[in-house]
Amino acid sequence: MVRASSDQVGMAPKTKQEPPDLDVNDLPTPALDSQDLRMSYRIARGEQGVLTFEPYKSLLLPHWRFRNIPIAQTSSATLWRAFQHYVEAGDLVGADMARKFIQMGMTRAKRYANHKGGRKYDRSPREVEREGGGRVELPKSLAHEGMEEKLGASEVFKEVWRRCVGDERYLELKREFLAEQKVWDGERKKTLKKEEEMKVVKDEEVDDG
C-alpha cells in the first residue's frame, strides 16, 4: 500500500503566522489600576525581565520580530507606537516594557549578526546550571549568510531605542516611578519586619505556655 505524501493530499507546509495589526488604543494599562502589580515591576538593567513580566509580555511579544530589515522596520514602528501610547497614558511599566522589547530587538539582531545561528556561548545557561562551571563566548563570525541583514535590523531597532531613552516624558515617568517604588519598598520592609517580630512573640508565648 502506497501512502500519500503531504503534497498529494494538499497539505501545505507550516509557515510562521504574521502578527495581527496592533491598535494601540486597545492596549490595556493594568499597572495603573494595581499598585501591587506596578510596584512588583523592576526596571532592572537592559532588557532584564522582558520575557517574564505579565500581562505586558504577552501583549507586546507577538509584535517583536527581527528576521530582516523590513520586518524590523515594521516591528520597531509598532513597538514605538505602543511606547508612545503608554507614555501618553502615564503607564511607566508599559512604556518601559515596550522600550525593553525594542532594545532586545537591537541586541538580539546584533547577536545573530556576530554569531551564525545566534549562538553566542559554548554552553547554555541551563547546561551551566545542571553541570556547573562557566561558559566561553564563541568567536565572532567574519562572514555568514544573513549577517548584513541582521546588522541592518539591529540598526533599525537602535534608532528607535534611542528615541525611547531620550523621551522627556518617559524619563519623567521613570523618576516618579522610582520615587514611588522606593517608598513602597521601605514600607514593605517595615511590614515584613513587624510581622516577623509578632511571629517571634507568639512563638515565645507558646513556649512559655
N, C-alpha and C. Protein backbone atom coordinates (compact mmCIF):
# COMPACT_ATOMS: atom_id res chain seq x y z
N MET A 1 0.85 -1.20 0.00
CA MET A 1 0.00 0.00 0.00
C MET A 1 0.89 1.25 0.00
N VAL A 2 0.62 2.17 -0.93
CA VAL A 2 1.42 3.38 -1.05
C VAL A 2 0.76 4.49 -0.27
N ARG A 3 1.51 5.11 0.64
CA ARG A 3 0.97 6.22 1.43
C ARG A 3 1.05 7.51 0.62
N ALA A 4 0.04 8.31 0.72
CA ALA A 4 0.03 9.59 0.02
C ALA A 4 0.92 10.56 0.76
N SER A 5 1.69 11.34 0.02
CA SER A 5 2.54 12.35 0.64
C SER A 5 1.68 13.54 1.04
N SER A 6 2.27 14.41 1.85
CA SER A 6 1.54 15.60 2.28
C SER A 6 1.18 16.48 1.10
N ASP A 7 2.05 16.50 0.05
CA ASP A 7 1.76 17.29 -1.13
C ASP A 7 0.56 16.71 -1.87
N GLN A 8 0.47 15.35 -1.90
CA GLN A 8 -0.60 14.70 -2.63
C GLN A 8 -1.96 14.93 -2.00
N VAL A 9 -2.00 15.05 -0.68
CA VAL A 9 -3.28 15.25 -0.02
C VAL A 9 -3.57 16.73 0.20
N GLY A 10 -2.73 17.57 -0.38
CA GLY A 10 -3.00 19.00 -0.35
C GLY A 10 -2.61 19.70 0.94
N MET A 11 -1.72 19.09 1.72
CA MET A 11 -1.29 19.72 2.97
C MET A 11 -0.16 20.70 2.69
N ALA A 12 -0.38 21.95 3.04
CA ALA A 12 0.64 22.97 2.82
C ALA A 12 1.63 22.97 3.96
N PRO A 13 2.91 23.29 3.69
CA PRO A 13 3.89 23.36 4.77
C PRO A 13 3.53 24.47 5.74
N LYS A 14 3.90 24.25 7.00
CA LYS A 14 3.59 25.25 8.02
C LYS A 14 4.44 26.50 7.81
N THR A 15 3.82 27.63 7.98
CA THR A 15 4.53 28.90 7.88
C THR A 15 4.25 29.70 9.14
N LYS A 16 5.19 30.56 9.50
CA LYS A 16 5.03 31.38 10.70
C LYS A 16 3.97 32.43 10.45
N GLN A 17 3.00 32.50 11.34
CA GLN A 17 1.91 33.44 11.18
C GLN A 17 2.38 34.86 11.39
N GLU A 18 1.80 35.77 10.59
CA GLU A 18 2.10 37.18 10.77
C GLU A 18 1.38 37.68 12.02
N PRO A 19 2.00 38.57 12.78
CA PRO A 19 1.33 39.10 13.96
C PRO A 19 0.14 39.96 13.54
N PRO A 20 -0.91 40.01 14.34
CA PRO A 20 -2.06 40.85 13.99
C PRO A 20 -1.68 42.32 14.05
N ASP A 21 -2.37 43.13 13.26
CA ASP A 21 -2.15 44.57 13.33
C ASP A 21 -2.51 45.05 14.74
N LEU A 22 -1.71 45.95 15.24
CA LEU A 22 -1.90 46.43 16.61
C LEU A 22 -2.55 47.81 16.61
N ASP A 23 -3.71 47.89 17.23
CA ASP A 23 -4.34 49.18 17.51
C ASP A 23 -3.94 49.53 18.93
N VAL A 24 -3.04 50.48 19.07
CA VAL A 24 -2.50 50.77 20.40
C VAL A 24 -3.58 51.24 21.36
N ASN A 25 -4.68 51.75 20.83
CA ASN A 25 -5.76 52.19 21.70
C ASN A 25 -6.42 51.01 22.42
N ASP A 26 -6.17 49.80 21.91
CA ASP A 26 -6.72 48.60 22.55
C ASP A 26 -5.80 48.06 23.65
N LEU A 27 -4.60 48.62 23.76
CA LEU A 27 -3.67 48.13 24.77
C LEU A 27 -4.12 48.55 26.17
N PRO A 28 -4.32 47.60 27.07
CA PRO A 28 -4.72 47.95 28.43
C PRO A 28 -3.54 48.50 29.23
N THR A 29 -3.85 49.14 30.33
CA THR A 29 -2.81 49.70 31.21
C THR A 29 -3.03 49.18 32.64
N PRO A 30 -2.88 47.87 32.84
CA PRO A 30 -3.20 47.28 34.15
C PRO A 30 -2.36 47.80 35.30
N ALA A 31 -1.15 48.25 35.03
CA ALA A 31 -0.30 48.74 36.12
C ALA A 31 -0.85 50.02 36.74
N LEU A 32 -1.68 50.75 35.99
CA LEU A 32 -2.28 51.96 36.54
C LEU A 32 -3.40 51.64 37.51
N ASP A 33 -3.98 50.44 37.37
CA ASP A 33 -5.11 50.05 38.21
C ASP A 33 -4.69 49.22 39.42
N SER A 34 -3.45 48.77 39.44
CA SER A 34 -3.00 47.90 40.54
C SER A 34 -1.62 48.34 41.01
N GLN A 35 -1.56 48.89 42.22
CA GLN A 35 -0.27 49.30 42.76
C GLN A 35 0.61 48.09 43.04
N ASP A 36 -0.01 46.98 43.45
CA ASP A 36 0.77 45.77 43.70
C ASP A 36 1.48 45.32 42.43
N LEU A 37 0.75 45.31 41.31
CA LEU A 37 1.36 44.93 40.04
C LEU A 37 2.44 45.93 39.65
N ARG A 38 2.12 47.21 39.78
CA ARG A 38 3.05 48.26 39.38
C ARG A 38 4.35 48.18 40.17
N MET A 39 4.24 48.03 41.47
CA MET A 39 5.43 48.02 42.32
C MET A 39 6.22 46.72 42.23
N SER A 40 5.60 45.67 41.68
CA SER A 40 6.34 44.41 41.50
C SER A 40 7.25 44.46 40.28
N TYR A 41 7.07 45.49 39.45
CA TYR A 41 7.90 45.63 38.25
C TYR A 41 9.26 46.22 38.61
N ARG A 42 10.30 45.73 37.96
CA ARG A 42 11.64 46.26 38.17
C ARG A 42 12.22 46.70 36.83
N ILE A 43 12.66 47.94 36.78
CA ILE A 43 13.27 48.45 35.55
C ILE A 43 14.53 47.66 35.24
N ALA A 44 15.30 47.36 36.27
CA ALA A 44 16.48 46.49 36.14
C ALA A 44 17.46 47.04 35.10
N ARG A 45 18.25 46.13 34.54
CA ARG A 45 19.29 46.52 33.60
C ARG A 45 18.96 46.00 32.20
N GLY A 46 19.13 46.85 31.21
CA GLY A 46 18.89 46.42 29.83
C GLY A 46 17.47 45.95 29.63
N GLU A 47 17.35 44.71 29.10
CA GLU A 47 16.01 44.16 28.86
C GLU A 47 15.65 43.05 29.85
N GLN A 48 16.30 43.04 31.00
CA GLN A 48 16.01 42.01 32.01
C GLN A 48 14.53 42.03 32.40
N GLY A 49 13.93 40.84 32.45
CA GLY A 49 12.54 40.72 32.85
C GLY A 49 11.53 40.88 31.74
N VAL A 50 11.99 41.20 30.54
CA VAL A 50 11.05 41.48 29.45
C VAL A 50 10.22 40.27 29.07
N LEU A 51 10.76 39.08 29.25
CA LEU A 51 10.05 37.86 28.84
C LEU A 51 9.34 37.17 30.00
N THR A 52 9.23 37.86 31.13
CA THR A 52 8.58 37.23 32.29
C THR A 52 7.48 38.09 32.90
N PHE A 53 7.49 39.39 32.68
CA PHE A 53 6.53 40.25 33.37
C PHE A 53 5.21 40.32 32.61
N GLU A 54 4.20 39.73 33.21
CA GLU A 54 2.86 39.69 32.61
C GLU A 54 1.96 40.75 33.24
N PRO A 55 0.92 41.21 32.52
CA PRO A 55 0.48 40.74 31.20
C PRO A 55 1.15 41.45 30.03
N TYR A 56 2.08 42.38 30.33
CA TYR A 56 2.68 43.17 29.26
C TYR A 56 3.49 42.33 28.28
N LYS A 57 4.15 41.30 28.79
CA LYS A 57 4.93 40.43 27.91
C LYS A 57 4.05 39.84 26.81
N SER A 58 2.89 39.31 27.20
CA SER A 58 2.01 38.67 26.22
C SER A 58 1.36 39.69 25.28
N LEU A 59 1.21 40.92 25.73
CA LEU A 59 0.64 41.96 24.88
C LEU A 59 1.61 42.40 23.79
N LEU A 60 2.89 42.44 24.11
CA LEU A 60 3.88 43.01 23.20
C LEU A 60 4.70 41.99 22.42
N LEU A 61 4.91 40.82 22.99
CA LEU A 61 5.76 39.81 22.35
C LEU A 61 5.34 39.46 20.93
N PRO A 62 4.04 39.33 20.61
CA PRO A 62 3.67 38.97 19.24
C PRO A 62 4.13 39.97 18.19
N HIS A 63 4.47 41.18 18.61
CA HIS A 63 4.85 42.22 17.67
C HIS A 63 6.37 42.45 17.62
N TRP A 64 7.11 41.59 18.30
CA TRP A 64 8.58 41.70 18.34
C TRP A 64 9.19 40.71 17.37
N ARG A 65 9.79 41.22 16.29
CA ARG A 65 10.38 40.36 15.26
C ARG A 65 11.56 41.10 14.63
N PHE A 66 12.57 40.33 14.19
CA PHE A 66 13.79 40.99 13.70
C PHE A 66 14.46 40.21 12.57
N ARG A 67 13.73 39.35 11.88
CA ARG A 67 14.36 38.44 10.92
C ARG A 67 15.11 39.16 9.81
N ASN A 68 14.56 40.26 9.32
CA ASN A 68 15.25 41.03 8.29
C ASN A 68 14.90 42.51 8.46
N ILE A 69 15.47 43.35 7.61
CA ILE A 69 15.29 44.80 7.78
C ILE A 69 13.83 45.23 7.66
N PRO A 70 13.09 44.83 6.61
CA PRO A 70 11.69 45.24 6.52
C PRO A 70 10.86 44.80 7.73
N ILE A 71 11.08 43.57 8.19
CA ILE A 71 10.35 43.08 9.35
C ILE A 71 10.73 43.88 10.60
N ALA A 72 12.01 44.20 10.74
CA ALA A 72 12.47 45.01 11.87
C ALA A 72 11.85 46.40 11.83
N GLN A 73 11.71 46.96 10.63
CA GLN A 73 11.10 48.28 10.50
C GLN A 73 9.65 48.26 10.95
N THR A 74 8.92 47.24 10.53
CA THR A 74 7.51 47.11 10.92
C THR A 74 7.39 46.88 12.42
N SER A 75 8.20 45.97 12.94
CA SER A 75 8.15 45.63 14.36
C SER A 75 8.51 46.82 15.24
N SER A 76 9.59 47.49 14.91
CA SER A 76 10.04 48.61 15.74
C SER A 76 9.04 49.77 15.69
N ALA A 77 8.40 49.97 14.53
CA ALA A 77 7.39 51.02 14.41
C ALA A 77 6.17 50.70 15.27
N THR A 78 5.78 49.43 15.28
CA THR A 78 4.64 49.00 16.10
C THR A 78 4.95 49.17 17.58
N LEU A 79 6.13 48.73 17.99
CA LEU A 79 6.51 48.84 19.40
C LEU A 79 6.71 50.30 19.82
N TRP A 80 7.14 51.13 18.89
CA TRP A 80 7.27 52.56 19.17
C TRP A 80 5.90 53.19 19.42
N ARG A 81 4.90 52.79 18.63
CA ARG A 81 3.54 53.29 18.85
C ARG A 81 3.03 52.84 20.22
N ALA A 82 3.36 51.59 20.58
CA ALA A 82 2.96 51.09 21.91
C ALA A 82 3.65 51.91 23.00
N PHE A 83 4.92 52.19 22.82
CA PHE A 83 5.68 53.00 23.77
C PHE A 83 5.01 54.37 23.95
N GLN A 84 4.69 55.02 22.84
CA GLN A 84 4.06 56.34 22.90
C GLN A 84 2.70 56.28 23.60
N HIS A 85 1.94 55.24 23.30
CA HIS A 85 0.63 55.05 23.93
C HIS A 85 0.76 54.97 25.44
N TYR A 86 1.70 54.17 25.90
CA TYR A 86 1.88 54.01 27.34
C TYR A 86 2.41 55.29 27.99
N VAL A 87 3.30 55.97 27.31
CA VAL A 87 3.82 57.24 27.85
C VAL A 87 2.69 58.24 27.99
N GLU A 88 1.86 58.37 26.96
CA GLU A 88 0.75 59.32 27.00
C GLU A 88 -0.26 58.95 28.09
N ALA A 89 -0.41 57.64 28.35
CA ALA A 89 -1.33 57.19 29.39
C ALA A 89 -0.74 57.33 30.78
N GLY A 90 0.56 57.59 30.87
CA GLY A 90 1.23 57.69 32.16
C GLY A 90 1.59 56.35 32.76
N ASP A 91 1.63 55.31 31.91
CA ASP A 91 1.94 53.95 32.36
C ASP A 91 3.42 53.66 32.12
N LEU A 92 4.23 53.91 33.14
CA LEU A 92 5.68 53.69 33.01
C LEU A 92 6.00 52.23 32.76
N VAL A 93 5.27 51.33 33.40
CA VAL A 93 5.55 49.90 33.24
C VAL A 93 5.37 49.49 31.79
N GLY A 94 4.26 49.86 31.18
CA GLY A 94 4.03 49.54 29.78
C GLY A 94 5.05 50.17 28.87
N ALA A 95 5.38 51.44 29.12
CA ALA A 95 6.36 52.14 28.30
C ALA A 95 7.73 51.49 28.41
N ASP A 96 8.11 51.12 29.63
CA ASP A 96 9.43 50.52 29.81
C ASP A 96 9.50 49.12 29.23
N MET A 97 8.40 48.38 29.28
CA MET A 97 8.37 47.06 28.65
C MET A 97 8.51 47.20 27.13
N ALA A 98 7.85 48.19 26.54
CA ALA A 98 8.00 48.42 25.10
C ALA A 98 9.44 48.80 24.79
N ARG A 99 10.03 49.64 25.64
CA ARG A 99 11.44 50.00 25.46
C ARG A 99 12.34 48.77 25.53
N LYS A 100 12.04 47.86 26.45
CA LYS A 100 12.86 46.65 26.58
C LYS A 100 12.76 45.77 25.34
N PHE A 101 11.56 45.63 24.78
CA PHE A 101 11.42 44.82 23.57
C PHE A 101 12.19 45.46 22.41
N ILE A 102 12.12 46.77 22.31
CA ILE A 102 12.87 47.47 21.27
C ILE A 102 14.37 47.27 21.47
N GLN A 103 14.82 47.39 22.70
CA GLN A 103 16.24 47.18 22.99
C GLN A 103 16.65 45.74 22.70
N MET A 104 15.77 44.79 23.02
CA MET A 104 16.09 43.39 22.76
C MET A 104 16.13 43.11 21.26
N GLY A 105 15.31 43.81 20.48
CA GLY A 105 15.41 43.67 19.03
C GLY A 105 16.78 44.10 18.54
N MET A 106 17.29 45.18 19.10
CA MET A 106 18.62 45.68 18.74
C MET A 106 19.71 44.68 19.12
N THR A 107 19.68 44.20 20.37
CA THR A 107 20.76 43.32 20.84
C THR A 107 20.66 41.92 20.25
N ARG A 108 19.44 41.41 20.09
CA ARG A 108 19.29 40.06 19.55
C ARG A 108 19.69 40.00 18.08
N ALA A 109 19.28 40.99 17.30
CA ALA A 109 19.67 41.02 15.89
C ALA A 109 21.19 41.16 15.76
N LYS A 110 21.80 41.96 16.64
CA LYS A 110 23.25 42.12 16.62
C LYS A 110 23.95 40.80 16.95
N ARG A 111 23.37 40.04 17.86
CA ARG A 111 23.96 38.75 18.22
C ARG A 111 23.94 37.80 17.03
N TYR A 112 22.85 37.81 16.28
CA TYR A 112 22.76 36.95 15.10
C TYR A 112 23.70 37.44 14.00
N ALA A 113 24.01 38.72 14.00
CA ALA A 113 24.98 39.24 13.03
C ALA A 113 26.39 38.82 13.41
N ASN A 114 26.67 38.78 14.71
CA ASN A 114 28.01 38.42 15.18
C ASN A 114 28.26 36.92 15.22
N HIS A 115 27.19 36.15 15.39
CA HIS A 115 27.33 34.70 15.54
C HIS A 115 26.32 33.98 14.66
N LYS A 116 26.76 33.18 13.75
CA LYS A 116 25.87 32.44 12.87
C LYS A 116 24.93 31.57 13.71
N GLY A 117 23.65 31.70 13.45
CA GLY A 117 22.67 30.95 14.22
C GLY A 117 22.32 31.59 15.55
N GLY A 118 23.00 32.69 15.90
CA GLY A 118 22.69 33.42 17.12
C GLY A 118 23.25 32.83 18.39
N ARG A 119 24.08 31.79 18.27
CA ARG A 119 24.64 31.18 19.48
C ARG A 119 25.90 31.92 19.90
N LYS A 120 25.84 32.60 21.04
CA LYS A 120 26.95 33.44 21.50
C LYS A 120 27.94 32.68 22.37
N TYR A 121 27.45 31.70 23.15
CA TYR A 121 28.32 30.98 24.10
C TYR A 121 28.36 29.49 23.78
N ASP A 122 29.39 28.84 24.29
CA ASP A 122 29.56 27.41 24.00
C ASP A 122 28.57 26.54 24.78
N ARG A 123 28.02 27.09 25.86
CA ARG A 123 27.06 26.34 26.67
C ARG A 123 25.88 27.22 27.02
N SER A 124 24.73 26.61 27.19
CA SER A 124 23.53 27.35 27.55
C SER A 124 23.49 27.56 29.07
N PRO A 125 22.72 28.56 29.54
CA PRO A 125 22.58 28.75 30.99
C PRO A 125 22.07 27.49 31.68
N ARG A 126 21.20 26.74 31.01
CA ARG A 126 20.67 25.52 31.62
C ARG A 126 21.77 24.47 31.80
N GLU A 127 22.67 24.38 30.81
CA GLU A 127 23.78 23.43 30.93
C GLU A 127 24.71 23.82 32.07
N VAL A 128 24.96 25.12 32.21
CA VAL A 128 25.82 25.59 33.30
C VAL A 128 25.18 25.29 34.65
N GLU A 129 23.87 25.52 34.74
CA GLU A 129 23.16 25.27 35.99
C GLU A 129 23.18 23.78 36.33
N ARG A 130 23.04 22.94 35.30
CA ARG A 130 22.97 21.50 35.53
C ARG A 130 24.33 20.88 35.81
N GLU A 131 25.36 21.35 35.08
CA GLU A 131 26.67 20.71 35.13
C GLU A 131 27.71 21.51 35.90
N GLY A 132 27.42 22.79 36.18
CA GLY A 132 28.39 23.62 36.87
C GLY A 132 29.43 24.19 35.91
N GLY A 133 30.36 24.94 36.45
CA GLY A 133 31.40 25.55 35.63
C GLY A 133 30.91 26.83 34.99
N GLY A 134 31.69 27.31 34.02
CA GLY A 134 31.34 28.54 33.33
C GLY A 134 31.08 28.30 31.87
N ARG A 135 31.07 29.36 31.11
CA ARG A 135 30.89 29.23 29.67
C ARG A 135 31.76 30.26 28.96
N VAL A 136 32.07 29.96 27.72
CA VAL A 136 33.01 30.78 26.95
C VAL A 136 32.29 31.37 25.74
N GLU A 137 32.53 32.66 25.47
CA GLU A 137 31.93 33.28 24.29
C GLU A 137 32.59 32.73 23.04
N LEU A 138 31.78 32.34 22.08
CA LEU A 138 32.29 31.81 20.82
C LEU A 138 32.88 32.94 19.97
N PRO A 139 33.86 32.63 19.11
CA PRO A 139 34.44 33.66 18.24
C PRO A 139 33.37 34.28 17.35
N LYS A 140 33.51 35.58 17.10
CA LYS A 140 32.57 36.25 16.21
C LYS A 140 32.80 35.81 14.77
N SER A 141 31.72 35.70 14.04
CA SER A 141 31.80 35.30 12.64
C SER A 141 32.38 36.44 11.80
N LEU A 142 33.23 36.08 10.86
CA LEU A 142 33.77 37.08 9.94
C LEU A 142 32.81 37.36 8.80
N ALA A 143 32.07 36.33 8.42
CA ALA A 143 31.08 36.48 7.34
C ALA A 143 30.19 35.25 7.33
N HIS A 144 28.90 35.47 7.23
CA HIS A 144 27.97 34.36 7.04
C HIS A 144 26.69 34.89 6.40
N GLU A 145 25.92 34.00 5.85
CA GLU A 145 24.69 34.40 5.16
C GLU A 145 23.74 35.08 6.14
N GLY A 146 23.26 36.25 5.76
CA GLY A 146 22.32 36.98 6.60
C GLY A 146 22.96 37.96 7.56
N MET A 147 24.29 38.01 7.59
CA MET A 147 24.98 38.89 8.53
C MET A 147 24.60 40.36 8.32
N GLU A 148 24.69 40.83 7.09
CA GLU A 148 24.40 42.23 6.80
C GLU A 148 22.93 42.56 7.09
N GLU A 149 22.06 41.60 6.80
CA GLU A 149 20.63 41.82 7.06
C GLU A 149 20.36 41.99 8.55
N LYS A 150 21.01 41.17 9.36
CA LYS A 150 20.82 41.28 10.81
C LYS A 150 21.46 42.55 11.37
N LEU A 151 22.60 42.94 10.82
CA LEU A 151 23.21 44.21 11.24
C LEU A 151 22.27 45.37 10.94
N GLY A 152 21.67 45.33 9.76
CA GLY A 152 20.72 46.38 9.39
C GLY A 152 19.51 46.39 10.30
N ALA A 153 19.01 45.20 10.63
CA ALA A 153 17.86 45.10 11.52
C ALA A 153 18.20 45.66 12.90
N SER A 154 19.40 45.38 13.37
CA SER A 154 19.84 45.90 14.66
C SER A 154 19.87 47.42 14.66
N GLU A 155 20.35 48.01 13.58
CA GLU A 155 20.42 49.46 13.48
C GLU A 155 19.03 50.08 13.46
N VAL A 156 18.08 49.41 12.83
CA VAL A 156 16.70 49.89 12.80
C VAL A 156 16.16 50.02 14.23
N PHE A 157 16.34 48.96 15.00
CA PHE A 157 15.88 48.98 16.39
C PHE A 157 16.67 49.99 17.23
N LYS A 158 17.95 50.11 16.94
CA LYS A 158 18.79 51.02 17.72
C LYS A 158 18.31 52.46 17.60
N GLU A 159 17.91 52.86 16.40
CA GLU A 159 17.43 54.22 16.19
C GLU A 159 16.16 54.49 17.01
N VAL A 160 15.26 53.52 17.04
CA VAL A 160 14.02 53.67 17.80
C VAL A 160 14.30 53.63 19.30
N TRP A 161 15.21 52.76 19.71
CA TRP A 161 15.59 52.67 21.13
C TRP A 161 16.14 54.01 21.62
N ARG A 162 16.93 54.68 20.81
CA ARG A 162 17.47 55.98 21.20
C ARG A 162 16.35 57.00 21.41
N ARG A 163 15.31 56.92 20.59
CA ARG A 163 14.18 57.82 20.77
C ARG A 163 13.48 57.54 22.10
N CYS A 164 13.39 56.28 22.44
CA CYS A 164 12.74 55.90 23.70
C CYS A 164 13.49 56.46 24.90
N VAL A 165 14.78 56.18 24.99
CA VAL A 165 15.55 56.56 26.18
C VAL A 165 15.79 58.06 26.25
N GLY A 166 15.51 58.77 25.16
CA GLY A 166 15.66 60.21 25.17
C GLY A 166 14.34 60.95 25.32
N ASP A 167 13.25 60.22 25.42
CA ASP A 167 11.93 60.84 25.53
C ASP A 167 11.76 61.49 26.91
N GLU A 168 11.50 62.79 26.94
CA GLU A 168 11.47 63.53 28.20
C GLU A 168 10.34 63.08 29.11
N ARG A 169 9.17 62.82 28.54
CA ARG A 169 8.04 62.39 29.37
C ARG A 169 8.29 61.00 29.96
N TYR A 170 8.90 60.12 29.17
CA TYR A 170 9.27 58.79 29.68
C TYR A 170 10.25 58.92 30.84
N LEU A 171 11.24 59.77 30.70
CA LEU A 171 12.22 59.96 31.77
C LEU A 171 11.58 60.54 33.02
N GLU A 172 10.60 61.42 32.83
CA GLU A 172 9.87 61.98 33.97
C GLU A 172 9.06 60.89 34.69
N LEU A 173 8.37 60.06 33.91
CA LEU A 173 7.61 58.94 34.48
C LEU A 173 8.53 57.97 35.22
N LYS A 174 9.71 57.77 34.67
CA LYS A 174 10.68 56.87 35.28
C LYS A 174 11.12 57.39 36.65
N ARG A 175 11.39 58.68 36.74
CA ARG A 175 11.80 59.28 38.02
C ARG A 175 10.67 59.15 39.04
N GLU A 176 9.44 59.43 38.61
CA GLU A 176 8.29 59.34 39.51
C GLU A 176 8.09 57.90 39.99
N PHE A 177 8.24 56.95 39.07
CA PHE A 177 8.06 55.54 39.40
C PHE A 177 9.09 55.09 40.43
N LEU A 178 10.35 55.43 40.21
CA LEU A 178 11.41 55.01 41.12
C LEU A 178 11.24 55.62 42.51
N ALA A 179 10.75 56.86 42.55
CA ALA A 179 10.50 57.50 43.84
C ALA A 179 9.36 56.79 44.58
N GLU A 180 8.29 56.46 43.84
CA GLU A 180 7.17 55.74 44.44
C GLU A 180 7.62 54.36 44.92
N GLN A 181 8.43 53.69 44.11
CA GLN A 181 8.87 52.34 44.45
C GLN A 181 9.79 52.34 45.67
N LYS A 182 10.58 53.38 45.82
CA LYS A 182 11.48 53.47 46.98
C LYS A 182 10.67 53.53 48.27
N VAL A 183 9.61 54.34 48.26
CA VAL A 183 8.73 54.44 49.43
C VAL A 183 8.02 53.12 49.67
N TRP A 184 7.52 52.53 48.60
CA TRP A 184 6.80 51.25 48.69
C TRP A 184 7.69 50.15 49.29
N ASP A 185 8.90 50.06 48.76
CA ASP A 185 9.83 49.03 49.25
C ASP A 185 10.16 49.25 50.73
N GLY A 186 10.32 50.52 51.12
CA GLY A 186 10.61 50.82 52.51
C GLY A 186 9.48 50.41 53.43
N GLU A 187 8.25 50.73 53.03
CA GLU A 187 7.09 50.36 53.83
C GLU A 187 6.92 48.85 53.88
N ARG A 188 7.20 48.21 52.77
CA ARG A 188 7.08 46.75 52.71
C ARG A 188 8.06 46.08 53.67
N LYS A 189 9.28 46.59 53.72
CA LYS A 189 10.28 46.04 54.64
C LYS A 189 9.84 46.21 56.09
N LYS A 190 9.26 47.38 56.40
CA LYS A 190 8.79 47.62 57.77
C LYS A 190 7.68 46.64 58.13
N THR A 191 6.77 46.42 57.18
CA THR A 191 5.65 45.50 57.43
C THR A 191 6.15 44.08 57.66
N LEU A 192 7.08 43.64 56.82
CA LEU A 192 7.62 42.29 56.96
C LEU A 192 8.37 42.12 58.28
N LYS A 193 9.11 43.17 58.67
CA LYS A 193 9.85 43.12 59.93
C LYS A 193 8.89 43.02 61.11
N LYS A 194 7.80 43.81 61.05
CA LYS A 194 6.82 43.79 62.13
C LYS A 194 6.14 42.43 62.22
N GLU A 195 5.81 41.84 61.06
CA GLU A 195 5.18 40.52 61.04
C GLU A 195 6.11 39.47 61.63
N GLU A 196 7.40 39.58 61.32
CA GLU A 196 8.38 38.63 61.85
C GLU A 196 8.51 38.77 63.36
N GLU A 197 8.51 40.02 63.84
CA GLU A 197 8.60 40.26 65.28
C GLU A 197 7.38 39.70 66.01
N MET A 198 6.21 39.87 65.42
CA MET A 198 4.98 39.35 66.03
C MET A 198 5.00 37.83 66.07
N LYS A 199 5.56 37.23 65.03
CA LYS A 199 5.65 35.77 64.98
C LYS A 199 6.57 35.25 66.10
N VAL A 200 7.68 35.96 66.31
CA VAL A 200 8.61 35.57 67.37
C VAL A 200 7.93 35.65 68.73
N VAL A 201 7.16 36.73 68.96
CA VAL A 201 6.46 36.90 70.23
C VAL A 201 5.47 35.77 70.45
N LYS A 202 4.72 35.42 69.40
CA LYS A 202 3.74 34.34 69.51
C LYS A 202 4.42 33.00 69.80
N ASP A 203 5.55 32.77 69.15
CA ASP A 203 6.29 31.53 69.38
C ASP A 203 6.78 31.45 70.83
N GLU A 204 7.22 32.60 71.36
CA GLU A 204 7.70 32.63 72.75
C GLU A 204 6.55 32.39 73.73
N GLU A 205 5.36 32.93 73.40
CA GLU A 205 4.20 32.73 74.25
C GLU A 205 3.80 31.26 74.28
N VAL A 206 3.91 30.61 73.14
CA VAL A 206 3.59 29.18 73.06
C VAL A 206 4.57 28.38 73.91
N ASP A 207 5.85 28.73 73.83
CA ASP A 207 6.88 28.03 74.60
C ASP A 207 6.65 28.22 76.10
N ASP A 208 6.26 29.45 76.50
CA ASP A 208 6.04 29.74 77.92
C ASP A 208 4.79 29.04 78.44
N GLY A 209 3.84 28.84 77.54
CA GLY A 209 2.59 28.22 77.96
C GLY A 209 2.72 26.76 78.20
